[in-house]
Amino acid sequence: MSRRTRTRSLAGLLCALVALLVAATPAVATMSPKEIAAKLRRSPLVVDRSLEDAVPKAQRDAVLIAIRKAPYLVWVVFVPLTPGDRYGGDGARFLDVIRGRLGRDGLYVTIDQVLTTRDFGIDDAHPDLFYATQVGQFGTDDYQEPKIEKLRRFVEALSLPAAELTTRFEETQARMRATREAVDGPASSTADGDDGDGGWLVPVLIGLGVLLAGLVAFRLLRHRRSARPAPPDEPLIPARVFEHASTAQAGELRDQIEARLLEFAERIDRTPTPERPDAQEHQQHALDAYAAARRVLKERPEMVDLVGALVLVEDGTRALATAEALEAGRAAPGSSRLCFFDPRHPGASKLVDWERDLRVPACQACRNDLRAGRPPDALRDDGRVWFETDSLWARTGFGVFEPDLAERLLRGEQTRPG
């Protein structure tokens, strides 16, 4: 490979790094998830106000045309994401929140430094989303290409025949390999005494990389210092919710859960990413619980599933309150114990000895039944006591036996057999 070719490749990478330096201090997102969801109900493409001037109407129209041709619903959200924002700069987490707000199945797409997708309720066997993502992200050698063009190319790739998409993907991979070889070339050419062209770019790239890292760190620190924490006295799920849930019909209970999820999402929206690792862990657990509850609600839930979603909301709300308390240096709220036999039962629960040497939380009425030798008034699942089934709820005891209930739901484990 010639020195001129290697120099052009390195120069291209230098331009890309300069673009990243510019992106290290971008505009901050000005639209909340609630506002984004409202706009998505009117149009499948939403551009944050901070980016509107950078995205001409012609480019937006091209994306909308591609969306209309896609094989399923596509929701595109173009917002700036940063490491210190409410999503931790995580595009997948951002899309989970937006999907939770919108409540519609389909393919959700965003882009910051990388193009990120999340699919809900679609068959992604074709088009191959990985192939389409690679074509969208790396389908050109123009390192300064506007991000909206990457979004357009990705959405257009969704409509390509499988063979053509595979060819485009292979061409993209070949071009990326050639670029890597071009970057690796100067090291070997120096050994041959060829250090006249492009060698000066290597220390410049290193220096710019250090500067980029410093700018990103500065931006993250500034965001954390300016973020507004959630009010410390905001209540968790009140006892009356569970009192009403014990007598509610499935439709009414679902409405109660949807209302609680909306409040939960709003609290997540205004809670900044904590700095303390233990607080971060609890916040992530809260986000997982929220996403898991949303997943349960979209799968035609029966009453036992709705109760499981209510447990997830309560667990996630308490986890978020714990994260906020730890970050503020306050004592974490006490542990919550819902009645094992039916989490809807009102009143405080205490641990009691149960069968197989297990200790489970039980409300006063269930404790009285156990002392009297009567079976407690347990939640039913398809005519059977819920913990005698082979559902995920039974295997985890609604999270009493295994605390990774939300994670298992997000991994795709079914709530009930088959």
Protein backbone atom coordinates (compact mmCIF):
# COMPACT_ATOMS: atom_id res chain seq x y z
CA MET A 1 0.00 0.00 0.00
CA SER A 2 1.45 3.40 -1.01
CA ARG A 3 2.49 6.07 1.43
CA ARG A 4 -0.09 8.43 -0.07
CA THR A 5 -2.90 5.92 0.53
CA ARG A 6 -1.83 5.37 4.13
CA THR A 7 -1.62 9.11 4.67
CA ARG A 8 -5.13 9.60 3.31
CA SER A 9 -6.44 6.87 5.61
CA LEU A 10 -4.78 8.39 8.65
CA ALA A 11 -6.00 11.82 7.62
CA GLY A 12 -9.52 10.44 7.43
CA LEU A 13 -9.21 9.02 10.92
CA LEU A 14 -7.86 12.37 12.08
CA CYS A 15 -10.98 14.06 10.70
CA ALA A 16 -13.14 11.53 12.50
CA LEU A 17 -11.35 12.22 15.76
CA VAL A 18 -11.74 15.96 15.28
CA ALA A 19 -15.45 15.35 14.77
CA LEU A 20 -15.51 13.42 18.03
CA LEU A 21 -13.78 16.34 19.73
CA VAL A 22 -16.53 18.62 18.50
CA ALA A 23 -19.13 16.11 19.70
CA ALA A 24 -17.48 15.99 23.14
CA THR A 25 -19.15 19.29 23.96
CA PRO A 26 -22.50 18.94 22.19
CA ALA A 27 -25.83 20.45 22.90
CA VAL A 28 -27.63 18.74 25.77
CA ALA A 29 -30.97 17.05 25.08
CA THR A 30 -33.80 19.50 25.67
CA MET A 31 -36.76 17.11 25.35
CA SER A 32 -37.99 14.80 28.09
CA PRO A 33 -39.06 11.20 27.38
CA LYS A 34 -42.67 12.27 27.94
CA GLU A 35 -42.38 14.95 25.26
CA ILE A 36 -40.57 12.58 22.88
CA ALA A 37 -43.30 9.96 23.24
CA ALA A 38 -45.97 12.59 22.58
CA LYS A 39 -44.17 13.64 19.38
CA LEU A 40 -43.72 10.02 18.27
CA ARG A 41 -47.49 9.60 18.37
CA ARG A 42 -47.62 12.24 15.61
CA SER A 43 -44.49 11.29 13.64
CA PRO A 44 -42.14 8.25 13.69
CA LEU A 45 -39.13 10.59 13.52
CA VAL A 46 -38.28 12.95 16.37
CA VAL A 47 -35.29 15.30 16.35
CA ASP A 48 -34.32 16.99 19.61
CA ARG A 49 -34.68 20.77 19.60
CA SER A 50 -30.95 21.15 20.20
CA LEU A 51 -30.25 19.39 16.86
CA GLU A 52 -33.02 20.84 14.67
CA ASP A 53 -30.78 23.46 13.03
CA ALA A 54 -28.26 20.76 12.08
CA VAL A 55 -30.81 18.52 10.32
CA PRO A 56 -32.28 20.01 7.11
CA LYS A 57 -35.86 19.16 6.17
CA ALA A 58 -34.72 17.23 3.10
CA GLN A 59 -32.73 14.82 5.29
CA ARG A 60 -35.68 14.35 7.64
CA ASP A 61 -38.00 13.67 4.71
CA ALA A 62 -35.59 11.04 3.37
CA VAL A 63 -35.66 9.22 6.73
CA LEU A 64 -39.46 9.39 6.85
CA ILE A 65 -39.71 7.90 3.36
CA ALA A 66 -37.43 5.04 4.41
CA ILE A 67 -39.51 4.49 7.56
CA ARG A 68 -42.70 4.17 5.50
CA LYS A 69 -41.06 1.47 3.34
CA ALA A 70 -39.73 -0.55 6.30
CA PRO A 71 -41.22 -4.02 6.89
CA TYR A 72 -42.49 -3.07 10.35
CA LEU A 73 -43.02 -0.02 12.55
CA VAL A 74 -39.83 1.98 13.07
CA TRP A 75 -39.45 4.78 15.62
CA VAL A 76 -36.39 7.02 15.14
CA VAL A 77 -35.30 9.41 17.88
CA PHE A 78 -32.30 11.68 17.22
CA VAL A 79 -31.08 13.17 20.50
CA PRO A 80 -27.66 13.89 22.01
CA LEU A 81 -26.69 11.29 24.64
CA THR A 82 -23.85 11.94 27.09
CA PRO A 83 -22.13 9.74 29.72
CA GLY A 84 -23.51 11.79 32.60
CA ASP A 85 -27.13 12.11 31.51
CA ARG A 86 -30.14 10.35 33.02
CA TYR A 87 -29.47 7.33 30.80
CA GLY A 88 -25.72 7.16 31.50
CA GLY A 89 -25.15 7.88 27.80
CA ASP A 90 -26.58 4.41 27.09
CA GLY A 91 -28.64 4.39 23.89
CA ALA A 92 -30.29 1.06 24.73
CA ARG A 93 -31.42 2.33 28.13
CA PHE A 94 -32.74 5.51 26.49
CA LEU A 95 -34.76 3.48 23.97
CA ASP A 96 -36.17 1.28 26.73
CA VAL A 97 -37.48 4.37 28.49
CA ILE A 98 -38.96 5.78 25.27
CA ARG A 99 -40.64 2.48 24.44
CA GLY A 100 -42.05 2.35 27.97
CA ARG A 101 -43.46 5.83 27.46
CA LEU A 102 -44.89 5.18 24.01
CA GLY A 103 -46.11 1.66 24.72
CA ARG A 104 -45.95 0.58 21.06
CA ASP A 105 -44.17 -2.40 19.55
CA GLY A 106 -41.68 -1.92 16.73
CA LEU A 107 -38.03 -1.13 16.13
CA TYR A 108 -36.66 1.82 18.12
CA VAL A 109 -33.54 3.55 16.78
CA THR A 110 -31.21 6.29 18.00
CA ILE A 111 -27.66 7.40 17.32
CA ASP A 112 -24.99 9.27 19.20
CA GLN A 113 -21.46 8.00 18.62
CA VAL A 114 -22.94 4.63 17.61
CA LEU A 115 -26.22 3.57 16.08
CA THR A 116 -28.35 1.71 18.62
CA THR A 117 -31.56 -0.29 18.13
CA ARG A 118 -34.08 -2.02 20.39
CA ASP A 119 -36.79 -4.26 18.95
CA PHE A 120 -40.09 -5.07 20.64
CA GLY A 121 -42.62 -7.56 19.34
CA ILE A 122 -41.12 -7.95 15.85
CA ASP A 123 -39.51 -10.79 13.91
CA ASP A 124 -35.96 -9.62 13.33
CA ALA A 125 -34.87 -12.70 11.35
CA HIS A 126 -35.13 -10.56 8.22
CA PRO A 127 -33.88 -8.06 7.78
CA ASP A 128 -30.77 -8.98 9.77
CA LEU A 129 -30.53 -6.09 12.22
CA PHE A 130 -26.80 -6.59 12.78
CA TYR A 131 -26.12 -6.39 9.05
CA ALA A 132 -28.34 -3.33 8.69
CA THR A 133 -26.69 -1.62 11.67
CA GLN A 134 -23.20 -2.17 10.25
CA VAL A 135 -24.28 -0.84 6.85
CA GLY A 136 -25.85 2.19 8.47
CA GLN A 137 -22.95 2.98 10.78
CA PHE A 138 -20.00 2.21 8.49
CA GLY A 139 -21.45 2.22 4.98
CA THR A 140 -19.25 5.07 3.77
CA ASP A 141 -15.69 6.35 4.09
CA ASP A 142 -16.98 9.84 4.82
CA TYR A 143 -15.98 10.21 8.47
CA GLN A 144 -17.71 13.58 8.69
CA GLU A 145 -21.02 12.29 7.37
CA PRO A 146 -24.01 13.70 9.30
CA LYS A 147 -25.50 11.21 11.73
CA ILE A 148 -28.95 11.65 10.22
CA GLU A 149 -27.51 10.13 7.04
CA LYS A 150 -26.40 7.05 8.97
CA LEU A 151 -29.92 6.76 10.34
CA ARG A 152 -31.36 7.05 6.82
CA ARG A 153 -29.00 4.41 5.42
CA PHE A 154 -29.85 2.02 8.28
CA VAL A 155 -33.62 2.37 7.83
CA GLU A 156 -33.28 1.98 4.06
CA ALA A 157 -31.28 -1.21 4.62
CA LEU A 158 -34.26 -2.72 6.44
CA SER A 159 -36.16 -2.87 3.14
CA LEU A 160 -33.37 -4.48 1.11
CA PRO A 161 -33.75 -8.09 -0.10
CA ALA A 162 -31.73 -10.49 2.07
CA ALA A 163 -29.13 -11.17 -0.63
CA GLU A 164 -28.57 -7.47 -1.34
CA LEU A 165 -28.28 -6.64 2.37
CA THR A 166 -25.71 -9.41 2.78
CA THR A 167 -23.71 -8.02 -0.16
CA ARG A 168 -23.81 -4.49 1.30
CA PHE A 169 -22.70 -5.84 4.67
CA GLU A 170 -19.77 -7.76 3.14
CA GLU A 171 -18.69 -4.69 1.18
CA THR A 172 -18.78 -2.65 4.38
CA GLN A 173 -16.71 -5.23 6.24
CA ALA A 174 -14.15 -5.34 3.42
CA ARG A 175 -13.80 -1.57 3.45
CA MET A 176 -13.33 -1.57 7.23
CA ARG A 177 -10.61 -4.23 6.95
CA ALA A 178 -8.85 -2.14 4.32
CA THR A 179 -8.97 0.89 6.61
CA ARG A 180 -7.46 -1.09 9.49
CA GLU A 181 -4.67 -2.32 7.24
CA ALA A 182 -4.02 1.24 6.13
CA VAL A 183 -3.67 2.34 9.74
CA ASP A 184 -1.32 -0.55 10.54
CA GLY A 185 0.84 0.21 7.48
CA PRO A 186 3.05 3.06 8.80
CA ALA A 187 4.53 0.86 11.53
CA SER A 188 5.92 -1.64 8.99
CA SER A 189 6.98 1.04 6.49
CA THR A 190 9.04 2.78 9.18
CA ALA A 191 11.03 -0.37 9.61
CA ASP A 192 11.82 -0.19 5.87
CA GLY A 193 13.00 3.38 6.20
CA ASP A 194 9.73 4.89 4.86
CA ASP A 195 8.83 7.56 7.41
CA GLY A 196 8.30 10.54 5.21
CA ASP A 197 4.53 10.59 4.76
CA GLY A 198 1.92 10.41 7.48
CA GLY A 199 4.25 9.60 10.38
CA TRP A 200 3.60 12.96 11.95
CA LEU A 201 -0.10 12.07 12.28
CA VAL A 202 0.45 9.35 14.89
CA PRO A 203 1.55 11.64 17.76
CA VAL A 204 -1.14 14.14 16.72
CA LEU A 205 -3.79 11.41 16.96
CA ILE A 206 -2.52 10.41 20.40
CA GLY A 207 -2.57 14.00 21.60
CA LEU A 208 -6.07 14.57 20.30
CA GLY A 209 -7.19 11.34 21.97
CA VAL A 210 -5.95 12.61 25.32
CA LEU A 211 -7.73 15.91 24.74
CA LEU A 212 -10.93 14.08 23.82
CA ALA A 213 -10.84 12.04 27.02
CA GLY A 214 -10.33 15.22 29.03
CA LEU A 215 -13.26 16.98 27.40
CA VAL A 216 -15.58 14.04 27.96
CA ALA A 217 -14.53 13.80 31.61
CA PHE A 218 -15.11 17.55 32.05
CA ARG A 219 -18.56 17.31 30.49
CA LEU A 220 -19.50 14.39 32.72
CA LEU A 221 -18.37 16.22 35.87
CA ARG A 222 -20.25 19.36 34.88
CA HIS A 223 -23.45 17.40 34.29
CA ARG A 224 -23.24 15.66 37.65
CA ARG A 225 -22.74 18.91 39.48
CA SER A 226 -25.69 20.58 37.78
CA ALA A 227 -28.21 17.70 37.76
CA ARG A 228 -31.22 18.20 40.00
CA PRO A 229 -31.85 15.32 42.41
CA ALA A 230 -35.33 13.95 42.98
CA PRO A 231 -37.11 15.15 46.13
CA PRO A 232 -35.99 12.91 49.04
CA ASP A 233 -39.48 12.77 50.55
CA GLU A 234 -41.28 11.44 47.48
CA PRO A 235 -43.38 8.49 48.67
CA LEU A 236 -42.98 4.88 47.64
CA ILE A 237 -46.02 2.86 46.63
CA PRO A 238 -48.65 3.68 49.26
CA ALA A 239 -50.39 0.87 51.16
CA ARG A 240 -53.74 1.82 49.64
CA VAL A 241 -52.52 0.64 46.22
CA PHE A 242 -52.18 -2.90 47.54
CA GLU A 243 -55.43 -2.63 49.45
CA HIS A 244 -57.23 -1.74 46.22
CA ALA A 245 -55.31 -4.38 44.29
CA SER A 246 -56.60 -7.16 46.55
CA THR A 247 -60.17 -6.63 45.32
CA ALA A 248 -59.52 -5.17 41.85
CA GLN A 249 -60.46 -6.94 38.63
CA ALA A 250 -57.70 -7.56 36.09
CA GLY A 251 -58.51 -4.50 33.97
CA GLU A 252 -58.68 -2.21 37.01
CA LEU A 253 -55.43 -3.60 38.41
CA ARG A 254 -53.71 -3.08 35.09
CA ASP A 255 -54.80 0.56 35.09
CA GLN A 256 -53.38 0.97 38.60
CA ILE A 257 -50.06 -0.53 37.51
CA GLU A 258 -49.91 1.67 34.40
CA ALA A 259 -50.44 4.73 36.59
CA ARG A 260 -47.69 3.64 38.96
CA LEU A 261 -45.33 2.97 36.05
CA LEU A 262 -45.97 6.45 34.72
CA GLU A 263 -45.09 7.97 38.09
CA PHE A 264 -42.08 5.66 38.32
CA ALA A 265 -40.85 6.72 34.86
CA GLU A 266 -41.21 10.41 35.72
CA ARG A 267 -39.13 9.89 38.83
CA ILE A 268 -36.47 8.05 36.82
CA ASP A 269 -36.46 10.88 34.27
CA ARG A 270 -35.47 13.50 36.82
CA THR A 271 -33.00 11.38 38.78
CA PRO A 272 -29.37 11.95 37.68
CA THR A 273 -26.89 9.11 37.39
CA PRO A 274 -25.30 8.71 40.83
CA GLU A 275 -21.56 8.82 41.39
CA ARG A 276 -21.40 6.20 44.15
CA PRO A 277 -21.05 2.63 42.80
CA ASP A 278 -23.51 1.21 45.33
CA ALA A 279 -26.08 3.84 44.37
CA GLN A 280 -25.49 3.12 40.68
CA GLU A 281 -26.19 -0.56 41.30
CA HIS A 282 -29.52 0.20 42.95
CA GLN A 283 -30.47 2.62 40.18
CA GLN A 284 -29.73 -0.02 37.55
CA HIS A 285 -31.90 -2.47 39.47
CA ALA A 286 -34.71 0.08 39.42
CA LEU A 287 -34.37 0.50 35.65
CA ASP A 288 -34.42 -3.27 35.16
CA ALA A 289 -37.53 -3.61 37.31
CA TYR A 290 -39.28 -0.90 35.31
CA ALA A 291 -38.40 -2.53 31.98
CA ALA A 292 -39.42 -5.98 33.28
CA ALA A 293 -42.81 -4.71 34.47
CA ARG A 294 -43.39 -3.14 31.06
CA ARG A 295 -42.54 -6.44 29.39
CA VAL A 296 -45.05 -8.30 31.56
CA LEU A 297 -47.83 -5.87 30.69
CA LYS A 298 -47.35 -6.26 26.95
CA GLU A 299 -47.70 -10.08 26.98
CA ARG A 300 -51.46 -10.46 27.61
CA PRO A 301 -51.01 -10.91 31.36
CA GLU A 302 -53.32 -12.92 33.57
CA MET A 303 -54.06 -11.84 37.14
CA VAL A 304 -51.00 -13.55 38.59
CA ASP A 305 -48.82 -11.78 36.01
CA LEU A 306 -50.35 -8.43 36.92
CA VAL A 307 -49.53 -9.10 40.56
CA GLY A 308 -45.97 -9.90 39.47
CA ALA A 309 -45.78 -6.58 37.62
CA LEU A 310 -47.03 -4.79 40.73
CA VAL A 311 -44.29 -6.48 42.78
CA LEU A 312 -41.69 -5.36 40.20
CA VAL A 313 -42.91 -1.76 40.36
CA GLU A 314 -42.74 -1.76 44.15
CA ASP A 315 -39.27 -3.34 44.08
CA GLY A 316 -37.99 -0.88 41.47
CA THR A 317 -39.45 2.15 43.24
CA ARG A 318 -37.76 1.15 46.48
CA ALA A 319 -34.47 0.47 44.67
CA LEU A 320 -34.56 3.96 43.16
CA ALA A 321 -35.29 5.49 46.57
CA THR A 322 -32.33 3.55 47.97
CA ALA A 323 -30.05 4.86 45.21
CA GLU A 324 -31.11 8.43 45.91
CA ALA A 325 -30.60 8.02 49.65
CA LEU A 326 -27.14 6.50 49.27
CA GLU A 327 -26.04 9.20 46.85
CA ALA A 328 -27.23 11.91 49.27
CA GLY A 329 -25.59 10.25 52.28
CA ARG A 330 -28.90 9.37 53.90
CA ALA A 331 -30.00 6.10 55.40
CA ALA A 332 -31.63 3.77 52.87
CA PRO A 333 -35.36 3.05 53.33
CA GLY A 334 -36.18 -0.15 55.18
CA SER A 335 -36.69 -3.38 53.28
CA SER A 336 -40.16 -4.04 51.92
CA ARG A 337 -41.96 -7.30 52.70
CA LEU A 338 -45.06 -8.12 50.72
CA CYS A 339 -47.13 -11.09 51.73
CA PHE A 340 -45.68 -14.20 50.10
CA PHE A 341 -49.05 -15.93 49.80
CA ASP A 342 -50.65 -13.00 48.00
CA PRO A 343 -48.64 -9.78 47.52
CA ARG A 344 -51.91 -7.86 47.29
CA HIS A 345 -52.76 -8.55 50.92
CA PRO A 346 -52.77 -5.28 52.90
CA GLY A 347 -50.98 -4.70 56.16
CA ALA A 348 -47.43 -5.29 57.38
CA SER A 349 -45.86 -8.69 56.77
CA LYS A 350 -43.46 -10.54 59.06
CA LEU A 351 -41.32 -13.60 58.47
CA VAL A 352 -42.91 -16.90 59.47
CA ASP A 353 -41.79 -20.53 59.33
CA TRP A 354 -43.39 -22.36 56.44
CA GLU A 355 -43.04 -25.77 54.84
CA ARG A 356 -39.68 -27.23 53.80
CA ASP A 357 -37.97 -25.17 56.52
CA LEU A 358 -38.60 -21.97 54.59
CA ARG A 359 -39.21 -18.58 56.16
CA VAL A 360 -41.45 -16.31 54.15
CA PRO A 361 -43.12 -12.94 54.78
CA ALA A 362 -46.82 -13.17 55.57
CA CYS A 363 -49.52 -10.67 56.43
CA GLN A 364 -51.40 -10.88 59.72
CA ALA A 365 -54.34 -12.82 58.25
CA CYS A 366 -52.07 -15.42 56.65
CA ARG A 367 -50.05 -15.76 59.86
CA ASN A 368 -53.30 -16.40 61.75
CA ASP A 369 -54.25 -19.08 59.21
CA LEU A 370 -50.88 -20.80 59.56
CA ARG A 371 -51.07 -20.81 63.35
CA ALA A 372 -54.57 -22.30 63.15
CA GLY A 373 -53.42 -24.99 60.72
CA ARG A 374 -55.47 -23.56 57.85
CA PRO A 375 -54.12 -22.96 54.35
CA PRO A 376 -53.62 -19.22 53.81
CA ASP A 377 -55.77 -17.35 51.31
CA ALA A 378 -53.23 -17.59 48.50
CA LEU A 379 -53.26 -16.06 45.04
CA ARG A 380 -54.49 -18.47 42.36
CA ASP A 381 -52.89 -19.13 38.99
CA ASP A 382 -55.23 -20.86 36.53
CA GLY A 383 -57.13 -22.47 39.37
CA ARG A 384 -54.05 -23.59 41.33
CA VAL A 385 -52.20 -21.98 44.20
CA TRP A 386 -49.57 -19.86 42.47
CA PHE A 387 -46.52 -21.32 44.23
CA GLU A 388 -47.53 -24.86 43.23
CA THR A 389 -47.21 -24.10 39.51
CA ASP A 390 -44.06 -24.13 37.36
CA SER A 391 -44.20 -20.44 36.50
CA LEU A 392 -41.31 -18.02 36.88
CA TRP A 393 -43.26 -16.39 39.70
CA ALA A 394 -43.29 -19.72 41.57
CA ARG A 395 -39.64 -20.53 40.86
CA THR A 396 -38.53 -17.20 42.28
CA GLY A 397 -41.28 -16.73 44.86
CA PHE A 398 -42.03 -13.33 43.29
CA GLY A 399 -38.39 -12.55 44.04
CA VAL A 400 -38.43 -13.82 47.65
CA PHE A 401 -36.25 -16.86 46.90
CA GLU A 402 -34.23 -15.46 43.99
CA PRO A 403 -33.70 -11.68 43.82
CA ASP A 404 -32.89 -11.61 40.09
CA LEU A 405 -36.55 -11.73 39.02
CA ALA A 406 -36.31 -8.60 36.82
CA GLU A 407 -33.10 -9.74 35.15
CA ARG A 408 -34.57 -13.15 34.35
CA LEU A 409 -37.63 -11.56 32.77
CA LEU A 410 -35.45 -9.27 30.65
CA ARG A 411 -33.41 -12.27 29.52
CA GLY A 412 -36.61 -13.66 28.03
CA GLU A 413 -37.51 -16.29 30.63
CA GLN A 414 -41.22 -16.95 30.40
CA THR A 415 -43.50 -16.23 33.30
CA ARG A 416 -45.30 -19.52 32.71
CA PRO A 417 -44.37 -22.81 31.01
CA GLY A 418 -44.57 -23.14 27.24
